C-alpha cells in the first residue's frame, strides 16, 4: 500500500510540474496586445489558459497533500 501511495505522489508531482510549465509557457506567449486588450470583452484566450493551468496545479498539489496525509496516517 505504501509503495502504491508513493507512486501516486510521484505521479501527482509530475502533474504539478507539467501544469506549472504549461502555465508559464502560456504566460510567456502573452503579448503586449493581449495584456492591453479591451477588458469589456472578457479575458483573452491566453489568460484563460493561464488560469486553467493554475487551477490544475492547485488541484494536483491538494491531491498530493491528501495522499501524504493518508500515508502519514497509515504509518502510525
PDB file of N, CA and C in Angstrom:
ATOM      1  N   UNK A   1       0.822  -1.192   0.000  1.00  0.00           N
ATOM      2  CA  UNK A   1       0.000   0.000   0.000  1.00  0.00           C
ATOM      3  C   UNK A   1       0.871   1.264   0.000  1.00  0.00           C
ATOM      4  N   UNK A   2       1.948   1.228   0.780  1.00  0.00           N
ATOM      5  CA  UNK A   2       2.813   2.397   0.869  1.00  0.00           C
ATOM      6  C   UNK A   2       3.516   2.661  -0.457  1.00  0.00           C
ATOM      7  N   UNK A   3       3.876   1.591  -1.143  1.00  0.00           N
ATOM      8  CA  UNK A   3       4.532   1.754  -2.444  1.00  0.00           C
ATOM      9  C   UNK A   3       3.562   2.369  -3.440  1.00  0.00           C
ATOM     10  N   UNK A   4       2.318   1.912  -3.410  1.00  0.00           N
ATOM     11  CA  UNK A   4       1.302   2.458  -4.304  1.00  0.00           C
ATOM     12  C   UNK A   4       1.092   3.946  -4.038  1.00  0.00           C
ATOM     13  N   UNK A   5       0.984   4.325  -2.773  1.00  0.00           N
ATOM     14  CA  UNK A   5       0.789   5.732  -2.435  1.00  0.00           C
ATOM     15  C   UNK A   5       2.002   6.575  -2.817  1.00  0.00           C
ATOM     16  N   UNK A   6       3.194   6.002  -2.680  1.00  0.00           N
ATOM     17  CA  UNK A   6       4.399   6.718  -3.089  1.00  0.00           C
ATOM     18  C   UNK A   6       4.386   6.944  -4.606  1.00  0.00           C
ATOM     19  N   UNK A   7       3.940   5.964  -5.363  1.00  0.00           N
ATOM     20  CA  UNK A   7       3.841   6.132  -6.813  1.00  0.00           C
ATOM     21  C   UNK A   7       2.783   7.173  -7.180  1.00  0.00           C
ATOM     22  N   UNK A   8       1.689   7.195  -6.433  1.00  0.00           N
ATOM     23  CA  UNK A   8       0.657   8.198  -6.670  1.00  0.00           C
ATOM     24  C   UNK A   8       1.205   9.592  -6.397  1.00  0.00           C
ATOM     25  N   UNK A   9       1.984   9.735  -5.318  1.00  0.00           N
ATOM     26  CA  UNK A   9       2.588  11.033  -5.009  1.00  0.00           C
ATOM     27  C   UNK A   9       3.520  11.474  -6.131  1.00  0.00           C
ATOM     28  N   UNK A  10       4.327  10.556  -6.640  1.00  0.00           N
ATOM     29  CA  UNK A  10       5.239  10.895  -7.739  1.00  0.00           C
ATOM     30  C   UNK A  10       4.440  11.318  -8.971  1.00  0.00           C
ATOM     31  N   UNK A  11       3.372  10.610  -9.278  1.00  0.00           N
ATOM     32  CA  UNK A  11       2.543  10.972 -10.436  1.00  0.00           C
ATOM     33  C   UNK A  11       1.921  12.352 -10.247  1.00  0.00           C
ATOM     34  N   UNK A  12       1.458  12.649  -9.039  1.00  0.00           N
ATOM     35  CA  UNK A  12       0.883  13.961  -8.771  1.00  0.00           C
ATOM     36  C   UNK A  12       1.938  15.062  -8.852  1.00  0.00           C
ATOM     37  N   UNK A  13       3.149  14.761  -8.404  1.00  0.00           N
ATOM     38  CA  UNK A  13       4.234  15.735  -8.506  1.00  0.00           C
ATOM     39  C   UNK A  13       4.565  16.025  -9.968  1.00  0.00           C
ATOM     40  N   UNK A  14       4.544  14.996 -10.792  1.00  0.00           N
ATOM     41  CA  UNK A  14       4.779  15.193 -12.221  1.00  0.00           C
ATOM     42  C   UNK A  14       3.655  16.053 -12.810  1.00  0.00           C
ATOM     43  N   UNK A  15       2.427  15.807 -12.376  1.00  0.00           N
ATOM     44  CA  UNK A  15       1.303  16.623 -12.830  1.00  0.00           C
ATOM     45  C   UNK A  15       1.460  18.081 -12.432  1.00  0.00           C
ATOM     46  N   UNK A  16       1.960  18.336 -11.231  1.00  0.00           N
ATOM     47  CA  UNK A  16       2.203  19.709 -10.786  1.00  0.00           C
ATOM     48  C   UNK A  16       3.227  20.383 -11.681  1.00  0.00           C
ATOM     49  N   UNK A  17       4.331  19.687 -11.951  1.00  0.00           N
ATOM     50  CA  UNK A  17       5.391  20.276 -12.771  1.00  0.00           C
ATOM     51  C   UNK A  17       4.895  20.534 -14.194  1.00  0.00           C
ATOM     52  N   UNK A  18       4.157  19.604 -14.764  1.00  0.00           N
ATOM     53  CA  UNK A  18       3.653  19.768 -16.130  1.00  0.00           C
ATOM     54  C   UNK A  18       2.692  20.952 -16.207  1.00  0.00           C
ATOM     55  N   UNK A  19       1.764  21.052 -15.262  1.00  0.00           N
ATOM     56  CA  UNK A  19       0.819  22.169 -15.300  1.00  0.00           C
ATOM     57  C   UNK A  19       1.521  23.495 -15.032  1.00  0.00           C
ATOM     58  N   UNK A  20       2.547  23.486 -14.190  1.00  0.00           N
ATOM     59  CA  UNK A  20       3.313  24.705 -13.947  1.00  0.00           C
ATOM     60  C   UNK A  20       4.040  25.156 -15.211  1.00  0.00           C
ATOM     61  N   UNK A  21       4.678  24.219 -15.899  1.00  0.00           N
ATOM     62  CA  UNK A  21       5.410  24.555 -17.126  1.00  0.00           C
ATOM     63  C   UNK A  21       4.448  25.035 -18.209  1.00  0.00           C
ATOM     64  N   UNK A  22       3.315  24.376 -18.342  1.00  0.00           N
ATOM     65  CA  UNK A  22       2.336  24.811 -19.348  1.00  0.00           C
ATOM     66  C   UNK A  22       1.784  26.188 -19.023  1.00  0.00           C
ATOM     67  N   UNK A  23       1.566  26.490 -17.739  1.00  0.00           N
ATOM     68  CA  UNK A  23       1.102  27.812 -17.344  1.00  0.00           C
ATOM     69  C   UNK A  23       2.133  28.881 -17.609  1.00  0.00           C
ATOM     70  N   UNK A  24       3.390  28.577 -17.325  1.00  0.00           N
ATOM     71  CA  UNK A  24       4.466  29.537 -17.606  1.00  0.00           C
ATOM     72  C   UNK A  24       4.609  29.746 -19.106  1.00  0.00           C
ATOM     73  N   UNK A  25       4.478  28.680 -19.885  1.00  0.00           N
ATOM     74  CA  UNK A  25       4.558  28.807 -21.343  1.00  0.00           C
ATOM     75  C   UNK A  25       3.420  29.690 -21.866  1.00  0.00           C
ATOM     76  N   UNK A  26       2.224  29.523 -21.317  1.00  0.00           N
ATOM     77  CA  UNK A  26       1.098  30.372 -21.730  1.00  0.00           C
ATOM     78  C   UNK A  26       1.359  31.821 -21.341  1.00  0.00           C
ATOM     79  N   UNK A  27       1.955  32.032 -20.172  1.00  0.00           N
ATOM     80  CA  UNK A  27       2.286  33.388 -19.742  1.00  0.00           C
ATOM     81  C   UNK A  27       3.308  34.017 -20.672  1.00  0.00           C
ATOM     82  N   UNK A  28       4.304  33.263 -21.076  1.00  0.00           N
ATOM     83  CA  UNK A  28       5.335  33.791 -21.960  1.00  0.00           C
ATOM     84  C   UNK A  28       4.804  34.071 -23.361  1.00  0.00           C
ATOM     85  N   UNK A  29       3.766  33.361 -23.761  1.00  0.00           N
ATOM     86  CA  UNK A  29       3.180  33.576 -25.084  1.00  0.00           C
ATOM     87  C   UNK A  29       2.268  34.801 -25.125  1.00  0.00           C
ATOM     88  N   UNK A  30       1.920  35.317 -23.950  1.00  0.00           N
ATOM     89  CA  UNK A  30       1.092  36.517 -23.906  1.00  0.00           C
ATOM     90  C   UNK A  30       1.847  37.670 -24.554  1.00  0.00           C
ATOM     91  N   UNK A  31       1.145  38.404 -25.332  1.00  0.00           N
ATOM     92  CA  UNK A  31       1.765  39.546 -25.998  1.00  0.00           C
ATOM     93  C   UNK A  31       1.324  40.831 -25.326  1.00  0.00           C
ATOM     94  N   UNK A  32       1.955  41.910 -25.674  1.00  0.00           N
ATOM     95  CA  UNK A  32       1.593  43.207 -25.109  1.00  0.00           C
ATOM     96  C   UNK A  32       0.137  43.548 -25.469  1.00  0.00           C
ATOM     97  N   UNK A  33      -0.261  43.240 -26.691  1.00  0.00           N
ATOM     98  CA  UNK A  33      -1.648  43.493 -27.088  1.00  0.00           C
ATOM     99  C   UNK A  33      -2.621  42.671 -26.253  1.00  0.00           C
ATOM    100  N   UNK A  34      -2.191  41.457 -25.910  1.00  0.00           N
ATOM    101  CA  UNK A  34      -3.015  40.584 -25.085  1.00  0.00           C
ATOM    102  C   UNK A  34      -3.232  41.208 -23.715  1.00  0.00           C
ATOM    103  N   UNK A  35      -2.222  41.852 -23.202  1.00  0.00           N
ATOM    104  CA  UNK A  35      -2.323  42.479 -21.886  1.00  0.00           C
ATOM    105  C   UNK A  35      -3.091  43.795 -21.932  1.00  0.00           C
ATOM    106  N   UNK A  36      -3.071  44.468 -23.073  1.00  0.00           N
ATOM    107  CA  UNK A  36      -3.717  45.771 -23.196  1.00  0.00           C
ATOM    108  C   UNK A  36      -5.068  45.706 -23.908  1.00  0.00           C
ATOM    109  N   UNK A  37      -5.601  44.516 -24.131  1.00  0.00           N
ATOM    110  CA  UNK A  37      -6.851  44.403 -24.872  1.00  0.00           C
ATOM    111  C   UNK A  37      -8.020  44.960 -24.062  1.00  0.00           C
ATOM    112  N   UNK A  38      -9.121  45.191 -24.739  1.00  0.00           N
ATOM    113  CA  UNK A  38     -10.324  45.747 -24.114  1.00  0.00           C
ATOM    114  C   UNK A  38     -10.892  44.733 -23.128  1.00  0.00           C
ATOM    115  N   UNK A  39     -10.922  45.096 -21.871  1.00  0.00           N
ATOM    116  CA  UNK A  39     -11.363  44.163 -20.825  1.00  0.00           C
ATOM    117  C   UNK A  39     -12.871  43.949 -20.820  1.00  0.00           C
ATOM    118  N   UNK A  40     -13.611  44.785 -21.515  1.00  0.00           N
ATOM    119  CA  UNK A  40     -15.060  44.606 -21.550  1.00  0.00           C
ATOM    120  C   UNK A  40     -15.446  43.379 -22.374  1.00  0.00           C
ATOM    121  N   UNK A  41     -14.514  42.876 -23.194  1.00  0.00           N
ATOM    122  CA  UNK A  41     -14.794  41.674 -23.988  1.00  0.00           C
ATOM    123  C   UNK A  41     -14.492  40.399 -23.216  1.00  0.00           C
ATOM    124  N   UNK A  42     -13.961  40.535 -22.006  1.00  0.00           N
ATOM    125  CA  UNK A  42     -13.642  39.373 -21.191  1.00  0.00           C
ATOM    126  C   UNK A  42     -12.176  39.016 -21.300  1.00  0.00           C
ATOM    127  N   UNK A  43     -11.773  37.967 -20.618  1.00  0.00           N
ATOM    128  CA  UNK A  43     -10.362  37.586 -20.646  1.00  0.00           C
ATOM    129  C   UNK A  43      -9.960  37.007 -21.999  1.00  0.00           C
ATOM    130  N   UNK A  44      -8.683  37.136 -22.310  1.00  0.00           N
ATOM    131  CA  UNK A  44      -8.173  36.601 -23.575  1.00  0.00           C
ATOM    132  C   UNK A  44      -7.981  35.086 -23.458  1.00  0.00           C
ATOM    133  N   UNK A  45      -7.711  34.461 -24.579  1.00  0.00           N
ATOM    134  CA  UNK A  45      -7.524  33.006 -24.594  1.00  0.00           C
ATOM    135  C   UNK A  45      -6.318  32.600 -23.754  1.00  0.00           C
ATOM    136  N   UNK A  46      -5.226  33.375 -23.831  1.00  0.00           N
ATOM    137  CA  UNK A  46      -4.029  33.049 -23.042  1.00  0.00           C
ATOM    138  C   UNK A  46      -4.278  33.233 -21.554  1.00  0.00           C
ATOM    139  N   UNK A  47      -5.052  34.247 -21.191  1.00  0.00           N
ATOM    140  CA  UNK A  47      -5.381  34.441 -19.786  1.00  0.00           C
ATOM    141  C   UNK A  47      -6.235  33.292 -19.257  1.00  0.00           C
ATOM    142  N   UNK A  48      -7.150  32.813 -20.078  1.00  0.00           N
ATOM    143  CA  UNK A  48      -7.967  31.662 -19.684  1.00  0.00           C
ATOM    144  C   UNK A  48      -7.110  30.409 -19.521  1.00  0.00           C
ATOM    145  N   UNK A  49      -6.145  30.220 -20.434  1.00  0.00           N
ATOM    146  CA  UNK A  49      -5.262  29.054 -20.344  1.00  0.00           C
ATOM    147  C   UNK A  49      -4.386  29.141 -19.100  1.00  0.00           C
ATOM    148  N   UNK A  50      -3.870  30.339 -18.797  1.00  0.00           N
ATOM    149  CA  UNK A  50      -3.064  30.517 -17.591  1.00  0.00           C
ATOM    150  C   UNK A  50      -3.880  30.165 -16.345  1.00  0.00           C
ATOM    151  N   UNK A  51      -5.121  30.630 -16.316  1.00  0.00           N
ATOM    152  CA  UNK A  51      -5.984  30.357 -15.177  1.00  0.00           C
ATOM    153  C   UNK A  51      -6.281  28.867 -15.050  1.00  0.00           C
ATOM    154  N   UNK A  52      -6.527  28.212 -16.180  1.00  0.00           N
ATOM    155  CA  UNK A  52      -6.795  26.770 -16.172  1.00  0.00           C
ATOM    156  C   UNK A  52      -5.595  25.989 -15.644  1.00  0.00           C
ATOM    157  N   UNK A  53      -4.405  26.371 -16.082  1.00  0.00           N
ATOM    158  CA  UNK A  53      -3.194  25.679 -15.634  1.00  0.00           C
ATOM    159  C   UNK A  53      -2.956  25.913 -14.138  1.00  0.00           C
ATOM    160  N   UNK A  54      -3.244  27.121 -13.655  1.00  0.00           N
ATOM    161  CA  UNK A  54      -3.087  27.400 -12.234  1.00  0.00           C
ATOM    162  C   UNK A  54      -4.054  26.542 -11.412  1.00  0.00           C
ATOM    163  N   UNK A  55      -5.279  26.426 -11.873  1.00  0.00           N
ATOM    164  CA  UNK A  55      -6.261  25.623 -11.148  1.00  0.00           C
ATOM    165  C   UNK A  55      -5.876  24.141 -11.163  1.00  0.00           C
ATOM    166  N   UNK A  56      -5.337  23.655 -12.280  1.00  0.00           N
ATOM    167  CA  UNK A  56      -4.880  22.263 -12.327  1.00  0.00           C
ATOM    168  C   UNK A  56      -3.722  22.034 -11.362  1.00  0.00           C
ATOM    169  N   UNK A  57      -2.802  23.001 -11.314  1.00  0.00           N
ATOM    170  CA  UNK A  57      -1.655  22.876 -10.409  1.00  0.00           C
ATOM    171  C   UNK A  57      -2.130  22.827  -8.960  1.00  0.00           C
ATOM    172  N   UNK A  58      -3.079  23.683  -8.613  1.00  0.00           N
ATOM    173  CA  UNK A  58      -3.611  23.685  -7.253  1.00  0.00           C
ATOM    174  C   UNK A  58      -4.305  22.370  -6.946  1.00  0.00           C
ATOM    175  N   UNK A  59      -5.029  21.826  -7.908  1.00  0.00           N
ATOM    176  CA  UNK A  59      -5.703  20.541  -7.724  1.00  0.00           C
ATOM    177  C   UNK A  59      -4.695  19.421  -7.488  1.00  0.00           C
ATOM    178  N   UNK A  60      -3.639  19.377  -8.302  1.00  0.00           N
ATOM    179  CA  UNK A  60      -2.606  18.354  -8.127  1.00  0.00           C
ATOM    180  C   UNK A  60      -1.906  18.500  -6.772  1.00  0.00           C
ATOM    181  N   UNK A  61      -1.606  19.724  -6.378  1.00  0.00           N
ATOM    182  CA  UNK A  61      -0.942  19.943  -5.094  1.00  0.00           C
ATOM    183  C   UNK A  61      -1.833  19.518  -3.939  1.00  0.00           C
ATOM    184  N   UNK A  62      -3.113  19.846  -4.025  1.00  0.00           N
ATOM    185  CA  UNK A  62      -4.051  19.438  -2.972  1.00  0.00           C
ATOM    186  C   UNK A  62      -4.183  17.931  -2.879  1.00  0.00           C
ATOM    187  N   UNK A  63      -4.243  17.276  -4.026  1.00  0.00           N
ATOM    188  CA  UNK A  63      -4.332  15.817  -4.031  1.00  0.00           C
ATOM    189  C   UNK A  63      -3.065  15.195  -3.458  1.00  0.00           C
ATOM    190  N   UNK A  64      -1.905  15.779  -3.776  1.00  0.00           N
ATOM    191  CA  UNK A  64      -0.642  15.261  -3.244  1.00  0.00           C
ATOM    192  C   UNK A  64      -0.599  15.417  -1.726  1.00  0.00           C
ATOM    193  N   UNK A  65      -1.077  16.532  -1.218  1.00  0.00           N
ATOM    194  CA  UNK A  65      -1.120  16.742   0.236  1.00  0.00           C
ATOM    195  C   UNK A  65      -2.043  15.730   0.883  1.00  0.00           C
ATOM    196  N   UNK A  66      -3.174  15.466   0.252  1.00  0.00           N
ATOM    197  CA  UNK A  66      -4.111  14.470   0.784  1.00  0.00           C
ATOM    198  C   UNK A  66      -3.479  13.082   0.826  1.00  0.00           C
ATOM    199  N   UNK A  67      -2.766  12.703  -0.222  1.00  0.00           N
ATOM    200  CA  UNK A  67      -2.116  11.385  -0.261  1.00  0.00           C
ATOM    201  C   UNK A  67      -1.017  11.305   0.800  1.00  0.00           C
ATOM    202  N   UNK A  68      -0.261  12.391   0.985  1.00  0.00           N
ATOM    203  CA  UNK A  68       0.778  12.402   2.023  1.00  0.00           C
ATOM    204  C   UNK A  68       0.132  12.257   3.402  1.00  0.00           C
ATOM    205  N   UNK A  69      -1.011  12.925   3.618  1.00  0.00           N
ATOM    206  CA  UNK A  69      -1.703  12.799   4.899  1.00  0.00           C
ATOM    207  C   UNK A  69      -2.175  11.367   5.127  1.00  0.00           C
ATOM    208  N   UNK A  70      -2.684  10.735   4.094  1.00  0.00           N
ATOM    209  CA  UNK A  70      -3.098   9.325   4.206  1.00  0.00           C
ATOM    210  C   UNK A  70      -1.898   8.432   4.516  1.00  0.00           C
ATOM    211  N   UNK A  71      -0.802   8.690   3.833  1.00  0.00           N
ATOM    212  CA  UNK A  71       0.426   7.911   4.053  1.00  0.00           C
ATOM    213  C   UNK A  71       0.927   8.077   5.484  1.00  0.00           C
ATOM    214  N   UNK A  72       0.920   9.288   5.988  1.00  0.00           N
ATOM    215  CA  UNK A  72       1.348   9.537   7.360  1.00  0.00           C
ATOM    216  C   UNK A  72       0.397   8.896   8.361  1.00  0.00           C
ATOM    217  N   UNK A  73      -0.896   8.959   8.081  1.00  0.00           N
ATOM    218  CA  UNK A  73      -1.870   8.338   8.970  1.00  0.00           C
ATOM    219  C   UNK A  73      -1.699   6.820   8.979  1.00  0.00           C
ATOM    220  N   UNK A  74      -1.390   6.234   7.832  1.00  0.00           N
ATOM    221  CA  UNK A  74      -1.208   4.782   7.748  1.00  0.00           C
ATOM    222  C   UNK A  74       0.081   4.333   8.435  1.00  0.00           C
ATOM    223  N   UNK A  75       1.040   5.245   8.546  1.00  0.00           N
ATOM    224  CA  UNK A  75       2.321   4.897   9.162  1.00  0.00           C
ATOM    225  C   UNK A  75       2.229   4.839  10.680  1.00  0.00           C
ATOM    226  N   UNK A  76       1.185   5.417  11.238  1.00  0.00           N
ATOM    227  CA  UNK A  76       1.033   5.411  12.699  1.00  0.00           C
ATOM    228  C   UNK A  76       0.820   4.043  13.148  1.00  0.00           C
TER     229      UNK A  76
END
